[in-house]
Amino acid sequence: MNNTLDYIKEKAKSNPPLNAKLKVATDKTNYFIDGTGTSNEVSIDDSPSDCTITCKEDVLKKLIDGKLSSTMAVLMGQIKIQGDMGIALKLQTIIN
């Protein structure tokens, strides 16, 4: 298991359920957060989601480390969002 997955799992469990399915698709891994139950379940999966955020793995790590803001990443084209923008915004709560 990689450190990014462990970090997302830990943070997702400590936040309320997203009430949606969110996928972060990087050039290396697909992180899937299923927040439709009583808690957020995180896995490596390519299942359909309500929102998909696409970026490079190093961009995701910079977001997690606080070295890059999500706003700047979107404006610079380093992140692409497909689907419900409201769900995408919830990722920031999970990774910060």
PDB file of N, CA and C in Angstrom:
ATOM      1  N   MET A   1       0.850  -1.180   0.000  1.00  0.00           N
ATOM      2  CA  MET A   1       0.000   0.000   0.000  1.00  0.00           C
ATOM      3  C   MET A   1       0.896   1.244   0.000  1.00  0.00           C
ATOM      4  N   ASN A   2       0.542   2.238  -0.802  1.00  0.00           N
ATOM      5  CA  ASN A   2       1.398   3.424  -0.847  1.00  0.00           C
ATOM      6  C   ASN A   2       0.987   4.460   0.204  1.00  0.00           C
ATOM      7  N   ASN A   3       1.873   5.386   0.476  1.00  0.00           N
ATOM      8  CA  ASN A   3       1.632   6.398   1.507  1.00  0.00           C
ATOM      9  C   ASN A   3       0.441   7.287   1.189  1.00  0.00           C
ATOM     10  N   THR A   4       0.237   7.597  -0.093  1.00  0.00           N
ATOM     11  CA  THR A   4      -0.890   8.441  -0.482  1.00  0.00           C
ATOM     12  C   THR A   4      -2.206   7.748  -0.152  1.00  0.00           C
ATOM     13  N   LEU A   5      -2.307   6.474  -0.478  1.00  0.00           N
ATOM     14  CA  LEU A   5      -3.519   5.714  -0.167  1.00  0.00           C
ATOM     15  C   LEU A   5      -3.761   5.668   1.333  1.00  0.00           C
ATOM     16  N   ASP A   6      -2.716   5.385   2.106  1.00  0.00           N
ATOM     17  CA  ASP A   6      -2.849   5.347   3.574  1.00  0.00           C
ATOM     18  C   ASP A   6      -3.336   6.685   4.107  1.00  0.00           C
ATOM     19  N   TYR A   7      -2.762   7.772   3.591  1.00  0.00           N
ATOM     20  CA  TYR A   7      -3.139   9.111   4.047  1.00  0.00           C
ATOM     21  C   TYR A   7      -4.601   9.403   3.723  1.00  0.00           C
ATOM     22  N   ILE A   8      -5.015   9.110   2.482  1.00  0.00           N
ATOM     23  CA  ILE A   8      -6.397   9.376   2.087  1.00  0.00           C
ATOM     24  C   ILE A   8      -7.358   8.531   2.909  1.00  0.00           C
ATOM     25  N   LYS A   9      -7.010   7.271   3.145  1.00  0.00           N
ATOM     26  CA  LYS A   9      -7.867   6.395   3.970  1.00  0.00           C
ATOM     27  C   LYS A   9      -8.051   6.973   5.374  1.00  0.00           C
ATOM     28  N   GLU A  10      -6.940   7.371   5.982  1.00  0.00           N
ATOM     29  CA  GLU A  10      -6.988   7.908   7.348  1.00  0.00           C
ATOM     30  C   GLU A  10      -7.830   9.176   7.419  1.00  0.00           C
ATOM     31  N   LYS A  11      -7.610  10.096   6.478  1.00  0.00           N
ATOM     32  CA  LYS A  11      -8.343  11.363   6.486  1.00  0.00           C
ATOM     33  C   LYS A  11      -9.816  11.159   6.146  1.00  0.00           C
ATOM     34  N   ALA A  12     -10.105  10.280   5.200  1.00  0.00           N
ATOM     35  CA  ALA A  12     -11.495  10.048   4.786  1.00  0.00           C
ATOM     36  C   ALA A  12     -12.319   9.462   5.925  1.00  0.00           C
ATOM     37  N   LYS A  13     -11.720   8.553   6.680  1.00  0.00           N
ATOM     38  CA  LYS A  13     -12.441   7.925   7.795  1.00  0.00           C
ATOM     39  C   LYS A  13     -12.768   8.930   8.893  1.00  0.00           C
ATOM     40  N   SER A  14     -11.946   9.980   9.030  1.00  0.00           N
ATOM     41  CA  SER A  14     -12.173  10.967  10.090  1.00  0.00           C
ATOM     42  C   SER A  14     -13.119  12.088   9.656  1.00  0.00           C
ATOM     43  N   ASN A  15     -13.624  12.026   8.435  1.00  0.00           N
ATOM     44  CA  ASN A  15     -14.576  13.013   7.922  1.00  0.00           C
ATOM     45  C   ASN A  15     -15.937  12.367   7.710  1.00  0.00           C
ATOM     46  N   PRO A  16     -17.001  13.158   7.764  1.00  0.00           N
ATOM     47  CA  PRO A  16     -18.337  12.600   7.512  1.00  0.00           C
ATOM     48  C   PRO A  16     -18.448  12.071   6.083  1.00  0.00           C
ATOM     49  N   PRO A  17     -19.358  11.128   5.851  1.00  0.00           N
ATOM     50  CA  PRO A  17     -19.514  10.561   4.506  1.00  0.00           C
ATOM     51  C   PRO A  17     -19.804  11.642   3.460  1.00  0.00           C
ATOM     52  N   LEU A  18     -19.256  11.445   2.280  1.00  0.00           N
ATOM     53  CA  LEU A  18     -19.442  12.394   1.180  1.00  0.00           C
ATOM     54  C   LEU A  18     -20.858  12.367   0.619  1.00  0.00           C
ATOM     55  N   ASN A  19     -21.588  11.292   0.876  1.00  0.00           N
ATOM     56  CA  ASN A  19     -22.900  11.058   0.258  1.00  0.00           C
ATOM     57  C   ASN A  19     -22.775  10.993  -1.262  1.00  0.00           C
ATOM     58  N   ALA A  20     -21.641  10.492  -1.717  1.00  0.00           N
ATOM     59  CA  ALA A  20     -21.365  10.376  -3.147  1.00  0.00           C
ATOM     60  C   ALA A  20     -20.149   9.476  -3.337  1.00  0.00           C
ATOM     61  N   LYS A  21     -19.861   9.200  -4.602  1.00  0.00           N
ATOM     62  CA  LYS A  21     -18.660   8.444  -4.964  1.00  0.00           C
ATOM     63  C   LYS A  21     -17.719   9.377  -5.710  1.00  0.00           C
ATOM     64  N   LEU A  22     -16.457   9.411  -5.270  1.00  0.00           N
ATOM     65  CA  LEU A  22     -15.456  10.311  -5.821  1.00  0.00           C
ATOM     66  C   LEU A  22     -14.233   9.509  -6.232  1.00  0.00           C
ATOM     67  N   LYS A  23     -13.733   9.774  -7.434  1.00  0.00           N
ATOM     68  CA  LYS A  23     -12.525   9.095  -7.895  1.00  0.00           C
ATOM     69  C   LYS A  23     -11.462  10.140  -8.198  1.00  0.00           C
ATOM     70  N   VAL A  24     -10.255   9.890  -7.711  1.00  0.00           N
ATOM     71  CA  VAL A  24      -9.105  10.705  -8.076  1.00  0.00           C
ATOM     72  C   VAL A  24      -8.240   9.816  -8.958  1.00  0.00           C
ATOM     73  N   ALA A  25      -8.239  10.120 -10.241  1.00  0.00           N
ATOM     74  CA  ALA A  25      -7.513   9.314 -11.221  1.00  0.00           C
ATOM     75  C   ALA A  25      -6.179   9.988 -11.529  1.00  0.00           C
ATOM     76  N   THR A  26      -5.098   9.350 -11.103  1.00  0.00           N
ATOM     77  CA  THR A  26      -3.773   9.890 -11.392  1.00  0.00           C
ATOM     78  C   THR A  26      -3.125   9.048 -12.482  1.00  0.00           C
ATOM     79  N   ASP A  27      -1.943   9.457 -12.896  1.00  0.00           N
ATOM     80  CA  ASP A  27      -1.222   8.713 -13.924  1.00  0.00           C
ATOM     81  C   ASP A  27      -0.699   7.378 -13.401  1.00  0.00           C
ATOM     82  N   LYS A  28      -0.805   7.152 -12.080  1.00  0.00           N
ATOM     83  CA  LYS A  28      -0.312   5.906 -11.493  1.00  0.00           C
ATOM     84  C   LYS A  28      -1.403   5.059 -10.851  1.00  0.00           C
ATOM     85  N   THR A  29      -2.403   5.703 -10.256  1.00  0.00           N
ATOM     86  CA  THR A  29      -3.393   4.981  -9.454  1.00  0.00           C
ATOM     87  C   THR A  29      -4.741   5.680  -9.521  1.00  0.00           C
ATOM     88  N   ASN A  30      -5.815   4.899  -9.334  1.00  0.00           N
ATOM     89  CA  ASN A  30      -7.155   5.461  -9.173  1.00  0.00           C
ATOM     90  C   ASN A  30      -7.565   5.308  -7.713  1.00  0.00           C
ATOM     91  N   TYR A  31      -7.688   6.416  -7.011  1.00  0.00           N
ATOM     92  CA  TYR A  31      -8.142   6.406  -5.619  1.00  0.00           C
ATOM     93  C   TYR A  31      -9.648   6.611  -5.640  1.00  0.00           C
ATOM     94  N   PHE A  32     -10.381   5.662  -5.089  1.00  0.00           N
ATOM     95  CA  PHE A  32     -11.834   5.686  -5.134  1.00  0.00           C
ATOM     96  C   PHE A  32     -12.381   5.834  -3.723  1.00  0.00           C
ATOM     97  N   ILE A  33     -13.184   6.868  -3.498  1.00  0.00           N
ATOM     98  CA  ILE A  33     -13.800   7.100  -2.187  1.00  0.00           C
ATOM     99  C   ILE A  33     -15.303   6.888  -2.339  1.00  0.00           C
ATOM    100  N   ASP A  34     -15.791   5.856  -1.667  1.00  0.00           N
ATOM    101  CA  ASP A  34     -17.233   5.582  -1.668  1.00  0.00           C
ATOM    102  C   ASP A  34     -17.795   6.116  -0.362  1.00  0.00           C
ATOM    103  N   GLY A  35     -18.443   7.249  -0.460  1.00  0.00           N
ATOM    104  CA  GLY A  35     -19.019   7.894   0.716  1.00  0.00           C
ATOM    105  C   GLY A  35     -20.526   7.773   0.764  1.00  0.00           C
ATOM    106  N   THR A  36     -21.071   6.698   0.165  1.00  0.00           N
ATOM    107  CA  THR A  36     -22.526   6.536   0.115  1.00  0.00           C
ATOM    108  C   THR A  36     -23.079   5.800   1.329  1.00  0.00           C
ATOM    109  N   GLY A  37     -22.205   5.235   2.151  1.00  0.00           N
ATOM    110  CA  GLY A  37     -22.653   4.504   3.338  1.00  0.00           C
ATOM    111  C   GLY A  37     -22.525   5.350   4.589  1.00  0.00           C
ATOM    112  N   THR A  38     -22.270   4.692   5.696  1.00  0.00           N
ATOM    113  CA  THR A  38     -22.160   5.391   6.982  1.00  0.00           C
ATOM    114  C   THR A  38     -20.768   5.984   7.201  1.00  0.00           C
ATOM    115  N   SER A  39     -19.810   5.607   6.331  1.00  0.00           N
ATOM    116  CA  SER A  39     -18.462   6.174   6.407  1.00  0.00           C
ATOM    117  C   SER A  39     -17.857   6.191   5.008  1.00  0.00           C
ATOM    118  N   ASN A  40     -16.771   6.895   4.861  1.00  0.00           N
ATOM    119  CA  ASN A  40     -16.056   6.947   3.587  1.00  0.00           C
ATOM    120  C   ASN A  40     -15.139   5.733   3.485  1.00  0.00           C
ATOM    121  N   GLU A  41     -15.334   4.924   2.446  1.00  0.00           N
ATOM    122  CA  GLU A  41     -14.491   3.754   2.213  1.00  0.00           C
ATOM    123  C   GLU A  41     -13.569   4.069   1.044  1.00  0.00           C
ATOM    124  N   VAL A  42     -12.280   3.871   1.236  1.00  0.00           N
ATOM    125  CA  VAL A  42     -11.287   4.218   0.222  1.00  0.00           C
ATOM    126  C   VAL A  42     -10.645   2.943  -0.325  1.00  0.00           C
ATOM    127  N   SER A  43     -10.505   2.905  -1.648  1.00  0.00           N
ATOM    128  CA  SER A  43      -9.864   1.757  -2.283  1.00  0.00           C
ATOM    129  C   SER A  43      -9.157   2.204  -3.556  1.00  0.00           C
ATOM    130  N   ILE A  44      -8.407   1.278  -4.120  1.00  0.00           N
ATOM    131  CA  ILE A  44      -7.810   1.480  -5.441  1.00  0.00           C
ATOM    132  C   ILE A  44      -8.794   0.831  -6.410  1.00  0.00           C
ATOM    133  N   ASP A  45      -9.509   1.644  -7.168  1.00  0.00           N
ATOM    134  CA  ASP A  45     -10.593   1.114  -7.986  1.00  0.00           C
ATOM    135  C   ASP A  45     -10.881   2.082  -9.131  1.00  0.00           C
ATOM    136  N   ASP A  46     -11.399   1.546 -10.213  1.00  0.00           N
ATOM    137  CA  ASP A  46     -11.764   2.371 -11.363  1.00  0.00           C
ATOM    138  C   ASP A  46     -13.274   2.338 -11.591  1.00  0.00           C
ATOM    139  N   SER A  47     -14.028   2.238 -10.513  1.00  0.00           N
ATOM    140  CA  SER A  47     -15.489   2.175 -10.598  1.00  0.00           C
ATOM    141  C   SER A  47     -16.068   3.518 -11.025  1.00  0.00           C
ATOM    142  N   PRO A  48     -17.290   3.507 -11.565  1.00  0.00           N
ATOM    143  CA  PRO A  48     -17.963   4.768 -11.908  1.00  0.00           C
ATOM    144  C   PRO A  48     -18.152   5.632 -10.655  1.00  0.00           C
ATOM    145  N   SER A  49     -18.060   6.940 -10.848  1.00  0.00           N
ATOM    146  CA  SER A  49     -18.190   7.865  -9.716  1.00  0.00           C
ATOM    147  C   SER A  49     -19.080   9.042 -10.096  1.00  0.00           C
ATOM    148  N   ASP A  50     -19.520   9.774  -9.071  1.00  0.00           N
ATOM    149  CA  ASP A  50     -20.312  10.983  -9.289  1.00  0.00           C
ATOM    150  C   ASP A  50     -19.419  12.142  -9.735  1.00  0.00           C
ATOM    151  N   CYS A  51     -18.140  12.039  -9.387  1.00  0.00           N
ATOM    152  CA  CYS A  51     -17.162  13.065  -9.741  1.00  0.00           C
ATOM    153  C   CYS A  51     -15.802  12.397  -9.903  1.00  0.00           C
ATOM    154  N   THR A  52     -15.102  12.757 -10.971  1.00  0.00           N
ATOM    155  CA  THR A  52     -13.744  12.253 -11.187  1.00  0.00           C
ATOM    156  C   THR A  52     -12.798  13.434 -11.301  1.00  0.00           C
ATOM    157  N   ILE A  53     -11.757  13.385 -10.510  1.00  0.00           N
ATOM    158  CA  ILE A  53     -10.706  14.397 -10.553  1.00  0.00           C
ATOM    159  C   ILE A  53      -9.485  13.724 -11.171  1.00  0.00           C
ATOM    160  N   THR A  54      -8.973  14.302 -12.247  1.00  0.00           N
ATOM    161  CA  THR A  54      -7.828  13.722 -12.941  1.00  0.00           C
ATOM    162  C   THR A  54      -6.620  14.639 -12.774  1.00  0.00           C
ATOM    163  N   CYS A  55      -5.503  14.038 -12.366  1.00  0.00           N
ATOM    164  CA  CYS A  55      -4.264  14.793 -12.205  1.00  0.00           C
ATOM    165  C   CYS A  55      -3.087  13.815 -12.176  1.00  0.00           C
ATOM    166  N   LYS A  56      -1.902  14.343 -12.195  1.00  0.00           N
ATOM    167  CA  LYS A  56      -0.711  13.508 -12.049  1.00  0.00           C
ATOM    168  C   LYS A  56      -0.516  13.202 -10.563  1.00  0.00           C
ATOM    169  N   GLU A  57       0.126  12.092 -10.302  1.00  0.00           N
ATOM    170  CA  GLU A  57       0.377  11.672  -8.918  1.00  0.00           C
ATOM    171  C   GLU A  57       1.159  12.733  -8.145  1.00  0.00           C
ATOM    172  N   ASP A  58       2.150  13.352  -8.792  1.00  0.00           N
ATOM    173  CA  ASP A  58       2.944  14.366  -8.093  1.00  0.00           C
ATOM    174  C   ASP A  58       2.121  15.608  -7.760  1.00  0.00           C
ATOM    175  N   VAL A  59       1.118  15.927  -8.581  1.00  0.00           N
ATOM    176  CA  VAL A  59       0.224  17.049  -8.283  1.00  0.00           C
ATOM    177  C   VAL A  59      -0.619  16.719  -7.050  1.00  0.00           C
ATOM    178  N   LEU A  60      -1.142  15.500  -6.980  1.00  0.00           N
ATOM    179  CA  LEU A  60      -1.916  15.088  -5.811  1.00  0.00           C
ATOM    180  C   LEU A  60      -1.063  15.167  -4.553  1.00  0.00           C
ATOM    181  N   LYS A  61       0.168  14.723  -4.626  1.00  0.00           N
ATOM    182  CA  LYS A  61       1.058  14.774  -3.453  1.00  0.00           C
ATOM    183  C   LYS A  61       1.334  16.223  -3.044  1.00  0.00           C
ATOM    184  N   LYS A  62       1.491  17.127  -4.014  1.00  0.00           N
ATOM    185  CA  LYS A  62       1.692  18.547  -3.689  1.00  0.00           C
ATOM    186  C   LYS A  62       0.447  19.127  -3.016  1.00  0.00           C
ATOM    187  N   LEU A  63      -0.735  18.718  -3.462  1.00  0.00           N
ATOM    188  CA  LEU A  63      -1.976  19.167  -2.827  1.00  0.00           C
ATOM    189  C   LEU A  63      -2.033  18.682  -1.386  1.00  0.00           C
ATOM    190  N   ILE A  64      -1.710  17.415  -1.175  1.00  0.00           N
ATOM    191  CA  ILE A  64      -1.728  16.836   0.170  1.00  0.00           C
ATOM    192  C   ILE A  64      -0.713  17.524   1.072  1.00  0.00           C
ATOM    193  N   ASP A  65       0.478  17.800   0.527  1.00  0.00           N
ATOM    194  CA  ASP A  65       1.544  18.430   1.321  1.00  0.00           C
ATOM    195  C   ASP A  65       1.329  19.927   1.533  1.00  0.00           C
ATOM    196  N   GLY A  66       0.307  20.497   0.879  1.00  0.00           N
ATOM    197  CA  GLY A  66       0.046  21.926   1.024  1.00  0.00           C
ATOM    198  C   GLY A  66       0.975  22.790   0.190  1.00  0.00           C
ATOM    199  N   LYS A  67       1.687  22.187  -0.760  1.00  0.00           N
ATOM    200  CA  LYS A  67       2.612  22.931  -1.614  1.00  0.00           C
ATOM    201  C   LYS A  67       1.932  23.510  -2.843  1.00  0.00           C
ATOM    202  N   LEU A  68       0.659  23.140  -3.051  1.00  0.00           N
ATOM    203  CA  LEU A  68      -0.107  23.618  -4.191  1.00  0.00           C
ATOM    204  C   LEU A  68      -1.563  23.742  -3.771  1.00  0.00           C
ATOM    205  N   SER A  69      -2.193  24.862  -4.103  1.00  0.00           N
ATOM    206  CA  SER A  69      -3.611  25.013  -3.774  1.00  0.00           C
ATOM    207  C   SER A  69      -4.440  24.398  -4.905  1.00  0.00           C
ATOM    208  N   SER A  70      -5.589  23.887  -4.537  1.00  0.00           N
ATOM    209  CA  SER A  70      -6.449  23.272  -5.547  1.00  0.00           C
ATOM    210  C   SER A  70      -6.919  24.305  -6.573  1.00  0.00           C
ATOM    211  N   THR A  71      -7.137  25.528  -6.133  1.00  0.00           N
ATOM    212  CA  THR A  71      -7.557  26.587  -7.046  1.00  0.00           C
ATOM    213  C   THR A  71      -6.486  26.834  -8.106  1.00  0.00           C
ATOM    214  N   MET A  72      -5.243  26.958  -7.669  1.00  0.00           N
ATOM    215  CA  MET A  72      -4.147  27.193  -8.613  1.00  0.00           C
ATOM    216  C   MET A  72      -3.970  26.002  -9.546  1.00  0.00           C
ATOM    217  N   ALA A  73      -4.110  24.801  -9.015  1.00  0.00           N
ATOM    218  CA  ALA A  73      -3.955  23.599  -9.834  1.00  0.00           C
ATOM    219  C   ALA A  73      -5.011  23.551 -10.936  1.00  0.00           C
ATOM    220  N   VAL A  74      -6.244  23.933 -10.612  1.00  0.00           N
ATOM    221  CA  VAL A  74      -7.307  23.966 -11.619  1.00  0.00           C
ATOM    222  C   VAL A  74      -7.016  25.055 -12.649  1.00  0.00           C
ATOM    223  N   LEU A  75      -6.664  26.244 -12.176  1.00  0.00           N
ATOM    224  CA  LEU A  75      -6.387  27.362 -13.082  1.00  0.00           C
ATOM    225  C   LEU A  75      -5.203  27.079 -14.015  1.00  0.00           C
ATOM    226  N   MET A  76      -4.230  26.332 -13.525  1.00  0.00           N
ATOM    227  CA  MET A  76      -3.044  26.007 -14.318  1.00  0.00           C
ATOM    228  C   MET A  76      -3.252  24.749 -15.180  1.00  0.00           C
ATOM    229  N   GLY A  77      -4.436  24.170 -15.102  1.00  0.00           N
ATOM    230  CA  GLY A  77      -4.736  22.995 -15.913  1.00  0.00           C
ATOM    231  C   GLY A  77      -4.117  21.706 -15.406  1.00  0.00           C
ATOM    232  N   GLN A  78      -3.655  21.710 -14.158  1.00  0.00           N
ATOM    233  CA  GLN A  78      -3.034  20.515 -13.590  1.00  0.00           C
ATOM    234  C   GLN A  78      -4.065  19.539 -13.038  1.00  0.00           C
ATOM    235  N   ILE A  79      -5.295  20.004 -12.875  1.00  0.00           N
ATOM    236  CA  ILE A  79      -6.401  19.173 -12.394  1.00  0.00           C
ATOM    237  C   ILE A  79      -7.572  19.356 -13.351  1.00  0.00           C
ATOM    238  N   LYS A  80      -8.201  18.255 -13.701  1.00  0.00           N
ATOM    239  CA  LYS A  80      -9.432  18.280 -14.499  1.00  0.00           C
ATOM    240  C   LYS A  80     -10.538  17.675 -13.650  1.00  0.00           C
ATOM    241  N   ILE A  81     -11.704  18.301 -13.664  1.00  0.00           N
ATOM    242  CA  ILE A  81     -12.842  17.826 -12.875  1.00  0.00           C
ATOM    243  C   ILE A  81     -13.969  17.468 -13.824  1.00  0.00           C
ATOM    244  N   GLN A  82     -14.476  16.262 -13.652  1.00  0.00           N
ATOM    245  CA  GLN A  82     -15.593  15.788 -14.462  1.00  0.00           C
ATOM    246  C   GLN A  82     -16.704  15.375 -13.508  1.00  0.00           C
ATOM    247  N   GLY A  83     -17.880  15.956 -13.682  1.00  0.00           N
ATOM    248  CA  GLY A  83     -19.001  15.609 -12.815  1.00  0.00           C
ATOM    249  C   GLY A  83     -19.324  16.729 -11.841  1.00  0.00           C
ATOM    250  N   ASP A  84     -19.843  16.357 -10.696  1.00  0.00           N
ATOM    251  CA  ASP A  84     -20.351  17.292  -9.695  1.00  0.00           C
ATOM    252  C   ASP A  84     -19.223  18.065  -9.003  1.00  0.00           C
ATOM    253  N   MET A  85     -19.160  19.373  -9.267  1.00  0.00           N
ATOM    254  CA  MET A  85     -18.127  20.230  -8.674  1.00  0.00           C
ATOM    255  C   MET A  85     -18.230  20.274  -7.152  1.00  0.00           C
ATOM    256  N   GLY A  86     -19.439  20.208  -6.621  1.00  0.00           N
ATOM    257  CA  GLY A  86     -19.628  20.217  -5.165  1.00  0.00           C
ATOM    258  C   GLY A  86     -18.931  19.055  -4.488  1.00  0.00           C
ATOM    259  N   ILE A  87     -18.946  17.903  -5.146  1.00  0.00           N
ATOM    260  CA  ILE A  87     -18.257  16.725  -4.598  1.00  0.00           C
ATOM    261  C   ILE A  87     -16.750  16.931  -4.681  1.00  0.00           C
ATOM    262  N   ALA A  88     -16.288  17.510  -5.770  1.00  0.00           N
ATOM    263  CA  ALA A  88     -14.858  17.781  -5.923  1.00  0.00           C
ATOM    264  C   ALA A  88     -14.353  18.674  -4.796  1.00  0.00           C
ATOM    265  N   LEU A  89     -15.152  19.654  -4.409  1.00  0.00           N
ATOM    266  CA  LEU A  89     -14.749  20.560  -3.332  1.00  0.00           C
ATOM    267  C   LEU A  89     -14.596  19.836  -2.004  1.00  0.00           C
ATOM    268  N   LYS A  90     -15.337  18.752  -1.825  1.00  0.00           N
ATOM    269  CA  LYS A  90     -15.247  17.984  -0.577  1.00  0.00           C
ATOM    270  C   LYS A  90     -13.905  17.270  -0.445  1.00  0.00           C
ATOM    271  N   LEU A  91     -13.223  17.019  -1.561  1.00  0.00           N
ATOM    272  CA  LEU A  91     -11.913  16.371  -1.494  1.00  0.00           C
ATOM    273  C   LEU A  91     -10.926  17.230  -0.714  1.00  0.00           C
ATOM    274  N   GLN A  92     -11.020  18.530  -0.868  1.00  0.00           N
ATOM    275  CA  GLN A  92     -10.108  19.415  -0.155  1.00  0.00           C
ATOM    276  C   GLN A  92     -10.239  19.224   1.355  1.00  0.00           C
ATOM    277  N   THR A  93     -11.453  19.029   1.843  1.00  0.00           N
ATOM    278  CA  THR A  93     -11.668  18.791   3.272  1.00  0.00           C
ATOM    279  C   THR A  93     -10.998  17.490   3.689  1.00  0.00           C
ATOM    280  N   ILE A  94     -11.050  16.497   2.828  1.00  0.00           N
ATOM    281  CA  ILE A  94     -10.472  15.201   3.169  1.00  0.00           C
ATOM    282  C   ILE A  94      -8.941  15.255   3.167  1.00  0.00           C
ATOM    283  N   ILE A  95      -8.341  15.878   2.161  1.00  0.00           N
ATOM    284  CA  ILE A  95      -6.880  15.813   2.089  1.00  0.00           C
ATOM    285  C   ILE A  95      -6.162  16.865   2.928  1.00  0.00           C
ATOM    286  N   ASN A  96      -6.890  17.834   3.446  1.00  0.00           N
ATOM    287  CA  ASN A  96      -6.224  18.858   4.272  1.00  0.00           C
ATOM    288  C   ASN A  96      -6.407  18.623   5.735  1.00  0.00           C
TER     289      ASN A  96
END
